Amino acid sequence: MNLGSKKFWNFKNLDERTGELTLYGEISDVSWWGDEVTPKEFKADLDSLGEIDTLNIYINSPGGDVFAGQTIHSMLK
């Protein structure tokens, strides 16, 4: 449940074949206040980029849940 808090990641399309991800925040597998990065929400936003060839990724995270981080890594791979 997102209570209006800003996500710690942002996906955007730079052009029709290139996307960009910035991820700045703690990685979590559940969202208590709508302010943690969760794999389920992340996947939906990743899919919204559409069919792209290149994804530029910028990450600055203090850590978090290792299993959620691994899930997100697998999605990006």
C-alpha atoms as a PDB file:
ATOM      1  CA  MET A   1       0.000   0.000   0.000  1.00  0.00           C
ATOM      2  CA  ASN A   2       1.524   3.267  -1.063  1.00  0.00           C
ATOM      3  CA  LEU A   3       0.485   6.136   1.181  1.00  0.00           C
ATOM      4  CA  GLY A   4       1.743   8.780  -1.223  1.00  0.00           C
ATOM      5  CA  SER A   5       5.410   8.396  -0.338  1.00  0.00           C
ATOM      6  CA  LYS A   6       7.958   8.682  -3.097  1.00  0.00           C
ATOM      7  CA  LYS A   7       9.524   5.435  -4.276  1.00  0.00           C
ATOM      8  CA  PHE A   8      13.280   5.109  -3.988  1.00  0.00           C
ATOM      9  CA  TRP A   9      13.526   4.095  -7.627  1.00  0.00           C
ATOM     10  CA  ASN A  10      12.613   5.807 -10.830  1.00  0.00           C
ATOM     11  CA  PHE A  11      12.269   4.267 -14.274  1.00  0.00           C
ATOM     12  CA  LYS A  12      12.053   6.425 -17.356  1.00  0.00           C
ATOM     13  CA  ASN A  13      12.334   5.975 -21.090  1.00  0.00           C
ATOM     14  CA  LEU A  14      15.168   8.018 -22.584  1.00  0.00           C
ATOM     15  CA  ASP A  15      14.054   7.140 -26.101  1.00  0.00           C
ATOM     16  CA  GLU A  16      12.041   4.329 -27.675  1.00  0.00           C
ATOM     17  CA  ARG A  17      14.818   1.711 -27.180  1.00  0.00           C
ATOM     18  CA  THR A  18      16.622   2.967 -24.038  1.00  0.00           C
ATOM     19  CA  GLY A  19      15.471   3.179 -20.434  1.00  0.00           C
ATOM     20  CA  GLU A  20      17.025   4.417 -17.232  1.00  0.00           C
ATOM     21  CA  LEU A  21      16.759   3.218 -13.637  1.00  0.00           C
ATOM     22  CA  THR A  22      17.839   5.222 -10.610  1.00  0.00           C
ATOM     23  CA  LEU A  23      17.511   3.369  -7.300  1.00  0.00           C
ATOM     24  CA  TYR A  24      18.324   5.273  -4.125  1.00  0.00           C
ATOM     25  CA  GLY A  25      17.089   3.668  -0.914  1.00  0.00           C
ATOM     26  CA  GLU A  26      16.874   0.596   1.269  1.00  0.00           C
ATOM     27  CA  ILE A  27      15.702  -2.605  -0.424  1.00  0.00           C
ATOM     28  CA  SER A  28      12.874  -4.412   1.347  1.00  0.00           C
ATOM     29  CA  ASP A  29      10.599  -7.341   0.532  1.00  0.00           C
ATOM     30  CA  VAL A  30       7.522  -5.710   2.095  1.00  0.00           C
ATOM     31  CA  SER A  31       6.243  -2.153   2.111  1.00  0.00           C
ATOM     32  CA  TRP A  32       4.980  -1.000   5.500  1.00  0.00           C
ATOM     33  CA  TRP A  33       4.635   2.696   4.733  1.00  0.00           C
ATOM     34  CA  GLY A  34       4.952   2.736   0.960  1.00  0.00           C
ATOM     35  CA  ASP A  35       8.552   3.907   1.167  1.00  0.00           C
ATOM     36  CA  GLU A  36      10.562   0.711   0.663  1.00  0.00           C
ATOM     37  CA  VAL A  37      11.650  -0.830  -2.604  1.00  0.00           C
ATOM     38  CA  THR A  38       9.705  -4.068  -3.037  1.00  0.00           C
ATOM     39  CA  PRO A  39      10.244  -6.642  -5.799  1.00  0.00           C
ATOM     40  CA  LYS A  40       6.547  -6.754  -6.767  1.00  0.00           C
ATOM     41  CA  GLU A  41       6.269  -2.982  -7.256  1.00  0.00           C
ATOM     42  CA  PHE A  42       9.684  -2.887  -8.911  1.00  0.00           C
ATOM     43  CA  LYS A  43       8.673  -5.534 -11.481  1.00  0.00           C
ATOM     44  CA  ALA A  44       5.512  -3.661 -12.430  1.00  0.00           C
ATOM     45  CA  ASP A  45       7.487  -0.457 -13.000  1.00  0.00           C
ATOM     46  CA  LEU A  46      10.210  -2.314 -14.942  1.00  0.00           C
ATOM     47  CA  ASP A  47       7.598  -3.885 -17.209  1.00  0.00           C
ATOM     48  CA  SER A  48       6.074  -0.470 -17.879  1.00  0.00           C
ATOM     49  CA  LEU A  49       9.226   0.513 -19.818  1.00  0.00           C
ATOM     50  CA  GLY A  50       8.097  -1.751 -22.653  1.00  0.00           C
ATOM     51  CA  GLU A  51      10.438  -3.423 -25.128  1.00  0.00           C
ATOM     52  CA  ILE A  52      13.819  -1.727 -24.708  1.00  0.00           C
ATOM     53  CA  ASP A  53      17.318  -2.812 -25.768  1.00  0.00           C
ATOM     54  CA  THR A  54      19.334  -0.904 -23.146  1.00  0.00           C
ATOM     55  CA  LEU A  55      18.718  -0.061 -19.498  1.00  0.00           C
ATOM     56  CA  ASN A  56      21.142   2.355 -17.842  1.00  0.00           C
ATOM     57  CA  ILE A  57      21.239   1.625 -14.090  1.00  0.00           C
ATOM     58  CA  TYR A  58      22.337   3.928 -11.267  1.00  0.00           C
ATOM     59  CA  ILE A  59      22.162   2.525  -7.695  1.00  0.00           C
ATOM     60  CA  ASN A  60      23.019   4.032  -4.310  1.00  0.00           C
ATOM     61  CA  SER A  61      21.535   1.819  -1.589  1.00  0.00           C
ATOM     62  CA  PRO A  62      22.644   1.236   2.007  1.00  0.00           C
ATOM     63  CA  GLY A  63      21.490  -2.386   1.667  1.00  0.00           C
ATOM     64  CA  GLY A  64      18.394  -4.085   2.930  1.00  0.00           C
ATOM     65  CA  ASP A  65      16.801  -7.483   2.463  1.00  0.00           C
ATOM     66  CA  VAL A  66      19.237  -9.783   0.651  1.00  0.00           C
ATOM     67  CA  PHE A  67      16.464 -11.954  -0.824  1.00  0.00           C
ATOM     68  CA  ALA A  68      14.582  -8.950  -2.219  1.00  0.00           C
ATOM     69  CA  GLY A  69      17.863  -7.606  -3.602  1.00  0.00           C
ATOM     70  CA  GLN A  70      18.567 -10.932  -5.302  1.00  0.00           C
ATOM     71  CA  THR A  71      15.067 -10.974  -6.786  1.00  0.00           C
ATOM     72  CA  ILE A  72      15.532  -7.483  -8.200  1.00  0.00           C
ATOM     73  CA  HIS A  73      18.979  -8.476  -9.545  1.00  0.00           C
ATOM     74  CA  SER A  74      17.437 -11.471 -11.323  1.00  0.00           C
ATOM     75  CA  MET A  75      14.735  -9.281 -12.872  1.00  0.00           C
ATOM     76  CA  LEU A  76      17.340  -6.880 -14.228  1.00  0.00           C
ATOM     77  CA  LYS A  77      19.548  -9.696 -15.516  1.00  0.00           C
END
